[in-house]
Amino acid sequence: MPTHQAEKEGKEESQVAGRVVTAKCANDVWHVDLTVIPTGAGFWCSWLPFALPQRWPFCWWALITIDHFSRSTMAAGVFVQRPDCRAVCACLGQTIRRLGSAPKYIVRDRGSMFDCDAFRGWTKRKTNHLPRYGAVGKHASIAVVERFILTMKQILGQLHFVPLRRQSFRQELDAIILWYNEHRPHTTLGGKTPREVYDKRFPANRKPRVEPRPRWPLGSPCARPQTLIAGKPGDRFNVIVSFQGKRRHLPIVKLRRSA
């Protein structure tokens, strides 16, 4: 899946109104945004008087939190209707308690649940910094979380319908997040996965590779990043495809040398 051009404008910098905050490591900068996900009931149309209300059972509201440095999805809160500031703070507070640490900066848009004294005060208490607003009209401001939301909706669009039961929808969302963090290479991260960067793991794309061409010179460069050849050129290999949570729209592809 191609990476949005906005994500290429910088791995470590998040453009926000008034200044640039730099993500030097994981949990330095979080991006937070809300989105609406239509259910199996769906929206009839988007304009009055025919529009259905933006709440369950016609849609779910999801609060997405992304770590800017690693592109890892930290959490996703699910709501039956548009959450207020109190609900947003409670959801983010649960994420901070689960991780055992708070980010240095929280970047978000100017939605009413974020652009209020209550949210600013809560963020100041948790992070010792006031929240940052995404710069209006700047591609690099909150494009990281918006790109994940687009990917999430494209994946959910492959289902016959988005579940109406909260538990079922939560399971689908958790499966997408786990697959995205653990198994989806990220162009902005140089082909690494978000969890490889977040957990400081040795990336899979740096390990010795399989070379099926028998006459390929050992010293010749391969696709970036360049790695050593496992075994010798011309080795046969098997393609093993599994699926995250038995969901065929979340494939996991691995190569293994034949015995």
Protein backbone atom coordinates (compact mmCIF):
# COMPACT_ATOMS: atom_id res chain seq x y z
CA MET A 1 0.00 0.00 0.00
CA PRO A 2 1.65 3.31 -1.03
CA THR A 3 2.72 5.79 1.59
CA HIS A 4 1.10 9.21 1.51
CA GLN A 5 3.39 11.98 0.28
CA ALA A 6 2.84 13.88 3.51
CA GLU A 7 4.58 11.18 5.51
CA LYS A 8 7.75 11.61 3.43
CA GLU A 9 8.25 15.16 4.63
CA GLY A 10 10.12 14.03 7.73
CA LYS A 11 10.38 11.06 10.07
CA GLU A 12 11.22 12.86 13.26
CA GLU A 13 9.52 16.23 13.04
CA SER A 14 5.90 17.05 13.62
CA GLN A 15 4.83 20.46 12.32
CA VAL A 16 2.49 22.15 14.78
CA ALA A 17 1.07 25.61 15.10
CA GLY A 18 3.69 28.05 16.30
CA ARG A 19 6.70 25.71 16.42
CA VAL A 20 8.17 22.33 15.47
CA VAL A 21 8.42 19.59 18.12
CA THR A 22 10.96 16.86 17.43
CA ALA A 23 10.37 13.18 18.21
CA LYS A 24 13.81 11.88 19.20
CA CYS A 25 12.58 8.55 20.56
CA ALA A 26 9.41 6.56 21.17
CA ASN A 27 6.75 8.26 23.33
CA ASP A 28 8.16 11.74 22.68
CA VAL A 29 5.23 12.84 20.48
CA TRP A 30 1.78 11.28 20.16
CA HIS A 31 -0.76 12.17 17.50
CA VAL A 32 -4.41 11.88 18.51
CA ASP A 33 -7.46 12.13 16.28
CA LEU A 34 -11.12 11.09 16.14
CA THR A 35 -12.84 9.44 13.20
CA VAL A 36 -16.24 8.05 12.29
CA ILE A 37 -16.57 4.47 11.00
CA PRO A 38 -19.95 3.50 9.46
CA THR A 39 -21.34 0.15 10.63
CA GLY A 40 -23.36 -2.46 8.77
CA ALA A 41 -26.36 -0.12 9.16
CA GLY A 42 -24.32 2.57 7.43
CA PHE A 43 -25.11 6.16 6.51
CA TRP A 44 -27.91 6.69 4.04
CA CYS A 45 -26.47 9.89 2.64
CA SER A 46 -24.41 12.77 3.96
CA TRP A 47 -26.82 15.68 3.77
CA LEU A 48 -29.96 16.76 5.61
CA PRO A 49 -32.80 15.90 5.85
CA PHE A 50 -31.84 12.38 4.75
CA ALA A 51 -28.68 11.99 6.85
CA LEU A 52 -28.70 9.49 9.70
CA PRO A 53 -27.24 10.62 13.04
CA GLN A 54 -23.52 10.04 13.50
CA ARG A 55 -23.83 7.60 16.35
CA TRP A 56 -24.44 3.91 17.00
CA PRO A 57 -26.02 1.86 15.42
CA PHE A 58 -25.14 3.82 12.26
CA CYS A 59 -21.47 4.32 13.08
CA TRP A 60 -18.72 3.96 15.66
CA TRP A 61 -16.48 6.75 16.87
CA ALA A 62 -12.81 5.78 17.25
CA LEU A 63 -10.07 7.71 19.07
CA ILE A 64 -6.71 6.81 17.49
CA THR A 65 -3.35 7.43 19.18
CA ILE A 66 -0.12 7.11 17.13
CA ASP A 67 3.49 7.39 18.31
CA HIS A 68 5.18 9.75 15.84
CA PHE A 69 8.71 8.35 16.09
CA SER A 70 7.84 4.67 15.52
CA ARG A 71 4.48 5.07 13.72
CA SER A 72 3.17 2.52 16.21
CA THR A 73 -0.54 2.61 17.04
CA MET A 74 -0.65 2.97 20.82
CA ALA A 75 -4.39 2.59 21.36
CA ALA A 76 -7.83 2.93 19.82
CA GLY A 77 -10.83 3.93 21.91
CA VAL A 78 -14.33 3.01 20.74
CA PHE A 79 -17.40 5.15 21.46
CA VAL A 80 -21.07 4.87 20.51
CA GLN A 81 -21.33 8.61 19.91
CA ARG A 82 -19.07 11.62 19.54
CA PRO A 83 -17.04 11.66 22.78
CA ASP A 84 -16.63 14.77 24.87
CA CYS A 85 -13.43 16.00 26.50
CA ARG A 86 -13.97 13.93 29.63
CA ALA A 87 -14.31 10.67 27.67
CA VAL A 88 -11.24 11.48 25.55
CA CYS A 89 -9.12 12.22 28.64
CA ALA A 90 -10.30 9.00 30.32
CA CYS A 91 -9.34 6.96 27.23
CA LEU A 92 -5.90 8.57 26.93
CA GLY A 93 -5.39 8.16 30.68
CA GLN A 94 -5.98 4.41 30.40
CA THR A 95 -3.36 4.22 27.64
CA ILE A 96 -0.82 6.11 29.76
CA ARG A 97 -1.45 3.86 32.78
CA ARG A 98 -1.14 0.72 30.66
CA LEU A 99 2.19 1.85 29.19
CA GLY A 100 3.49 3.24 32.45
CA SER A 101 4.60 6.52 30.89
CA ALA A 102 3.16 9.60 29.24
CA PRO A 103 4.35 11.29 26.03
CA LYS A 104 6.22 14.56 26.09
CA TYR A 105 3.85 16.19 23.62
CA ILE A 106 0.34 15.43 22.38
CA VAL A 107 -0.54 16.77 18.92
CA ARG A 108 -4.17 17.00 17.81
CA ASP A 109 -6.52 19.08 15.71
CA ARG A 110 -8.87 21.80 16.89
CA GLY A 111 -11.93 19.67 17.55
CA SER A 112 -14.08 20.97 20.40
CA MET A 113 -13.14 18.04 22.68
CA PHE A 114 -9.44 18.97 22.27
CA ASP A 115 -9.64 22.75 22.01
CA CYS A 116 -10.87 23.46 25.52
CA ASP A 117 -9.45 24.43 28.92
CA ALA A 118 -10.29 21.04 30.42
CA PHE A 119 -8.19 19.12 27.87
CA ARG A 120 -5.33 21.62 28.08
CA GLY A 121 -5.30 21.32 31.87
CA TRP A 122 -5.40 17.52 31.79
CA THR A 123 -2.55 17.39 29.24
CA LYS A 124 -0.46 19.80 31.33
CA ARG A 125 -0.86 17.59 34.40
CA LYS A 126 0.01 14.37 32.56
CA THR A 127 2.85 15.54 30.30
CA ASN A 128 4.08 18.80 31.91
CA HIS A 129 3.49 20.44 28.53
CA LEU A 130 0.46 22.06 26.97
CA PRO A 131 -1.05 20.14 24.03
CA ARG A 132 -0.02 21.14 20.52
CA TYR A 133 -2.38 21.90 17.67
CA GLY A 134 -1.76 20.55 14.20
CA ALA A 135 -0.89 23.43 11.88
CA VAL A 136 -3.85 24.28 9.68
CA GLY A 137 -3.03 23.56 6.02
CA LYS A 138 0.33 21.91 6.83
CA HIS A 139 0.68 18.38 5.45
CA ALA A 140 3.15 17.25 8.11
CA SER A 141 1.05 18.27 11.12
CA ILE A 142 -1.24 15.31 11.86
CA ALA A 143 -0.77 13.36 8.63
CA VAL A 144 0.73 10.42 10.55
CA VAL A 145 -2.49 9.57 12.38
CA GLU A 146 -4.64 10.48 9.36
CA ARG A 147 -2.66 8.03 7.22
CA PHE A 148 -3.30 5.21 9.70
CA ILE A 149 -7.00 6.08 9.79
CA LEU A 150 -7.13 5.86 5.99
CA THR A 151 -5.39 2.45 6.07
CA MET A 152 -7.72 1.24 8.83
CA LYS A 153 -10.83 2.26 6.89
CA GLN A 154 -9.55 0.65 3.69
CA ILE A 155 -9.04 -2.62 5.58
CA LEU A 156 -12.45 -2.44 7.27
CA GLY A 157 -13.94 -1.77 3.83
CA GLN A 158 -12.91 -5.29 2.80
CA LEU A 159 -15.36 -6.76 5.31
CA HIS A 160 -18.90 -7.58 4.24
CA PHE A 161 -20.04 -5.14 6.91
CA VAL A 162 -18.59 -3.45 9.99
CA PRO A 163 -19.95 -5.24 13.10
CA LEU A 164 -22.75 -3.70 15.11
CA ARG A 165 -21.74 -5.46 18.33
CA ARG A 166 -19.15 -3.49 20.26
CA GLN A 167 -17.11 -6.55 21.22
CA SER A 168 -16.97 -7.78 17.62
CA PHE A 169 -15.94 -4.37 16.31
CA ARG A 170 -13.31 -4.11 19.04
CA GLN A 171 -11.86 -7.47 17.97
CA GLU A 172 -11.63 -6.33 14.35
CA LEU A 173 -9.92 -3.11 15.37
CA ASP A 174 -7.45 -4.91 17.64
CA ALA A 175 -6.55 -7.37 14.86
CA ILE A 176 -5.84 -4.50 12.45
CA ILE A 177 -3.68 -2.68 15.00
CA LEU A 178 -1.67 -5.82 15.83
CA TRP A 179 -1.12 -6.60 12.13
CA TYR A 180 -0.19 -2.99 11.34
CA ASN A 181 2.29 -2.72 14.21
CA GLU A 182 3.91 -6.15 13.93
CA HIS A 183 3.81 -7.17 10.27
CA ARG A 184 3.32 -4.19 7.94
CA PRO A 185 6.62 -2.71 6.65
CA HIS A 186 6.64 1.08 6.66
CA THR A 187 8.27 3.09 3.88
CA THR A 188 8.94 6.04 6.19
CA LEU A 189 10.78 3.68 8.57
CA GLY A 190 12.97 2.26 5.81
CA GLY A 191 10.99 -0.97 5.53
CA LYS A 192 10.90 -1.63 9.28
CA THR A 193 7.67 -2.31 11.12
CA PRO A 194 6.41 0.11 13.80
CA ARG A 195 7.01 -2.34 16.66
CA GLU A 196 10.55 -3.06 15.48
CA VAL A 197 11.29 0.65 15.86
CA TYR A 198 9.30 1.08 19.08
CA ASP A 199 10.85 -1.96 20.79
CA LYS A 200 14.32 -1.33 19.26
CA ARG A 201 14.38 -4.78 17.64
CA PHE A 202 16.77 -5.82 14.91
CA PRO A 203 14.64 -5.34 11.77
CA ALA A 204 13.70 -8.35 9.66
CA ASN A 205 14.74 -6.59 6.44
CA ARG A 206 18.35 -6.43 7.71
CA LYS A 207 18.63 -10.20 8.17
CA PRO A 208 20.26 -12.44 5.50
CA ARG A 209 17.98 -12.86 2.51
CA VAL A 210 17.04 -15.66 0.12
CA GLU A 211 18.52 -15.35 -3.39
CA PRO A 212 16.71 -17.55 -5.97
CA ARG A 213 18.96 -16.57 -8.95
CA PRO A 214 21.77 -19.15 -9.20
CA ARG A 215 24.17 -16.87 -11.12
CA TRP A 216 23.73 -13.79 -8.96
CA PRO A 217 27.22 -12.51 -7.93
CA LEU A 218 27.64 -12.45 -4.15
CA GLY A 219 29.15 -8.99 -4.24
CA SER A 220 26.41 -7.39 -6.31
CA PRO A 221 24.00 -5.00 -4.57
CA CYS A 222 20.40 -5.99 -3.94
CA ALA A 223 17.34 -3.95 -3.11
CA ARG A 224 17.84 -1.58 -0.22
CA PRO A 225 18.69 -2.16 2.53
CA GLN A 226 21.51 -4.33 1.21
CA THR A 227 21.96 -7.56 3.17
CA LEU A 228 23.95 -10.78 3.00
CA ILE A 229 22.64 -13.88 1.23
CA ALA A 230 21.52 -16.77 3.41
CA GLY A 231 23.11 -19.94 2.04
CA LYS A 232 24.06 -19.60 -1.61
CA PRO A 233 22.46 -18.11 -4.75
CA GLY A 234 19.93 -20.40 -6.41
CA ASP A 235 18.53 -21.90 -3.21
CA ARG A 236 14.90 -22.88 -3.40
CA PHE A 237 12.43 -21.46 -0.91
CA ASN A 238 8.83 -21.79 0.16
CA VAL A 239 6.33 -18.95 0.46
CA ILE A 240 4.32 -19.31 3.67
CA VAL A 241 1.18 -17.21 4.01
CA SER A 242 -0.73 -16.98 7.28
CA PHE A 243 -3.42 -14.57 8.42
CA GLN A 244 -3.71 -12.38 11.48
CA GLY A 245 -6.52 -13.80 13.60
CA LYS A 246 -7.64 -15.98 10.65
CA ARG A 247 -8.65 -12.82 8.78
CA ARG A 248 -7.78 -13.22 5.11
CA HIS A 249 -7.61 -9.47 4.60
CA LEU A 250 -4.63 -9.33 7.03
CA PRO A 251 -1.97 -11.53 5.36
CA ILE A 252 1.44 -12.36 6.88
CA VAL A 253 3.95 -13.51 4.22
CA LYS A 254 7.20 -15.30 5.09
CA LEU A 255 9.95 -17.00 3.03
CA ARG A 256 11.70 -20.16 4.19
CA ARG A 257 14.53 -22.01 2.50
CA SER A 258 13.60 -25.50 1.32
CA ALA A 259 15.39 -28.36 3.07
